[in-house]
Amino acid sequence: MNNDIFRDSIQDLRPTVWIGKQGCTETIVEEIAQQLEKKKVIKVKWLHNTEVDPEDLAKKAGAELAGVRGRTMILVKKGKK
């Protein structure tokens, strides 16, 4: 039941970080880390012409990767899953 509630809340979550043509810059990583300090779950999207490694980005930002669907990832503050 807990996973159902978590999944429903993720579906309603709007992306708060968009990764553009420049890819995963240090600024993007810092922004993700800052947002995770304020919120426990964030959604990140990226452009079709941008290559992103979700696991690597999560590691750099100090987050846990909760899931990836298409070009959208869900990141969770470590220890809050």
Protein backbone atom coordinates (compact mmCIF):
# COMPACT_ATOMS: atom_id res chain seq x y z
CA MET A 1 0.00 0.00 0.00
CA ASN A 2 2.83 2.41 0.81
CA ASN A 3 4.30 1.98 -2.70
CA ASP A 4 0.90 2.79 -4.24
CA ILE A 5 0.75 6.08 -2.36
CA PHE A 6 4.34 6.87 -3.34
CA ARG A 7 3.66 6.03 -7.01
CA ASP A 8 0.50 8.18 -7.08
CA SER A 9 2.32 11.16 -5.60
CA ILE A 10 5.11 10.81 -8.17
CA GLN A 11 2.65 10.85 -11.07
CA ASP A 12 1.29 14.20 -9.88
CA LEU A 13 4.79 15.63 -9.39
CA ARG A 14 5.87 18.19 -11.98
CA PRO A 15 9.48 18.32 -13.23
CA THR A 16 11.47 20.92 -11.34
CA VAL A 17 14.79 20.44 -13.16
CA TRP A 18 15.18 20.43 -16.94
CA ILE A 19 18.46 19.37 -18.51
CA GLY A 20 19.14 21.15 -21.80
CA LYS A 21 21.64 20.98 -24.65
CA GLN A 22 24.63 21.50 -22.37
CA GLY A 23 23.89 18.28 -20.52
CA CYS A 24 24.67 17.58 -16.87
CA THR A 25 26.76 20.56 -15.88
CA GLU A 26 27.99 21.20 -12.36
CA THR A 27 25.26 23.85 -12.06
CA ILE A 28 22.57 21.23 -12.74
CA VAL A 29 24.06 18.89 -10.13
CA GLU A 30 24.16 21.71 -7.56
CA GLU A 31 20.55 22.67 -8.33
CA ILE A 32 19.40 19.08 -7.85
CA ALA A 33 21.25 18.86 -4.53
CA GLN A 34 19.69 22.15 -3.36
CA GLN A 35 16.19 21.06 -4.32
CA LEU A 36 16.65 17.73 -2.53
CA GLU A 37 17.51 19.65 0.65
CA LYS A 38 14.09 21.34 0.47
CA LYS A 39 12.04 18.43 -0.91
CA LYS A 40 12.49 14.72 -0.46
CA VAL A 41 11.48 13.81 -4.04
CA ILE A 42 12.10 15.66 -7.31
CA LYS A 43 11.45 14.93 -10.96
CA VAL A 44 14.10 15.65 -13.61
CA LYS A 45 13.52 15.71 -17.39
CA TRP A 46 15.98 16.09 -20.23
CA LEU A 47 15.88 16.91 -23.95
CA HIS A 48 15.78 14.16 -26.58
CA ASN A 49 19.12 15.23 -28.06
CA THR A 50 20.88 15.14 -24.66
CA GLU A 51 22.58 12.05 -23.29
CA VAL A 52 22.09 11.64 -19.55
CA ASP A 53 23.18 8.76 -17.31
CA PRO A 54 20.55 8.83 -14.53
CA GLU A 55 22.57 6.62 -12.16
CA ASP A 56 25.67 8.80 -12.54
CA LEU A 57 23.68 12.00 -12.06
CA ALA A 58 22.04 10.64 -8.91
CA LYS A 59 25.44 9.66 -7.52
CA LYS A 60 26.93 13.10 -8.25
CA ALA A 61 23.94 14.84 -6.61
CA GLY A 62 24.04 12.58 -3.54
CA ALA A 63 20.58 11.17 -4.25
CA GLU A 64 18.93 7.81 -4.78
CA LEU A 65 17.48 7.01 -8.19
CA ALA A 66 13.87 5.94 -7.59
CA GLY A 67 13.01 5.34 -11.24
CA VAL A 68 13.41 6.27 -14.88
CA ARG A 69 10.72 6.35 -17.51
CA GLY A 70 11.66 7.61 -20.94
CA ARG A 71 13.55 10.88 -20.44
CA THR A 72 12.27 11.50 -16.95
CA MET A 73 13.86 10.41 -13.69
CA ILE A 74 12.73 10.53 -10.08
CA LEU A 75 15.37 11.33 -7.49
CA VAL A 76 14.88 10.79 -3.77
CA LYS A 77 16.85 12.32 -0.93
CA LYS A 78 19.13 9.61 0.48
CA GLY A 79 17.59 7.78 3.39
CA LYS A 80 14.04 9.00 2.59
CA LYS A 81 12.88 6.26 0.18
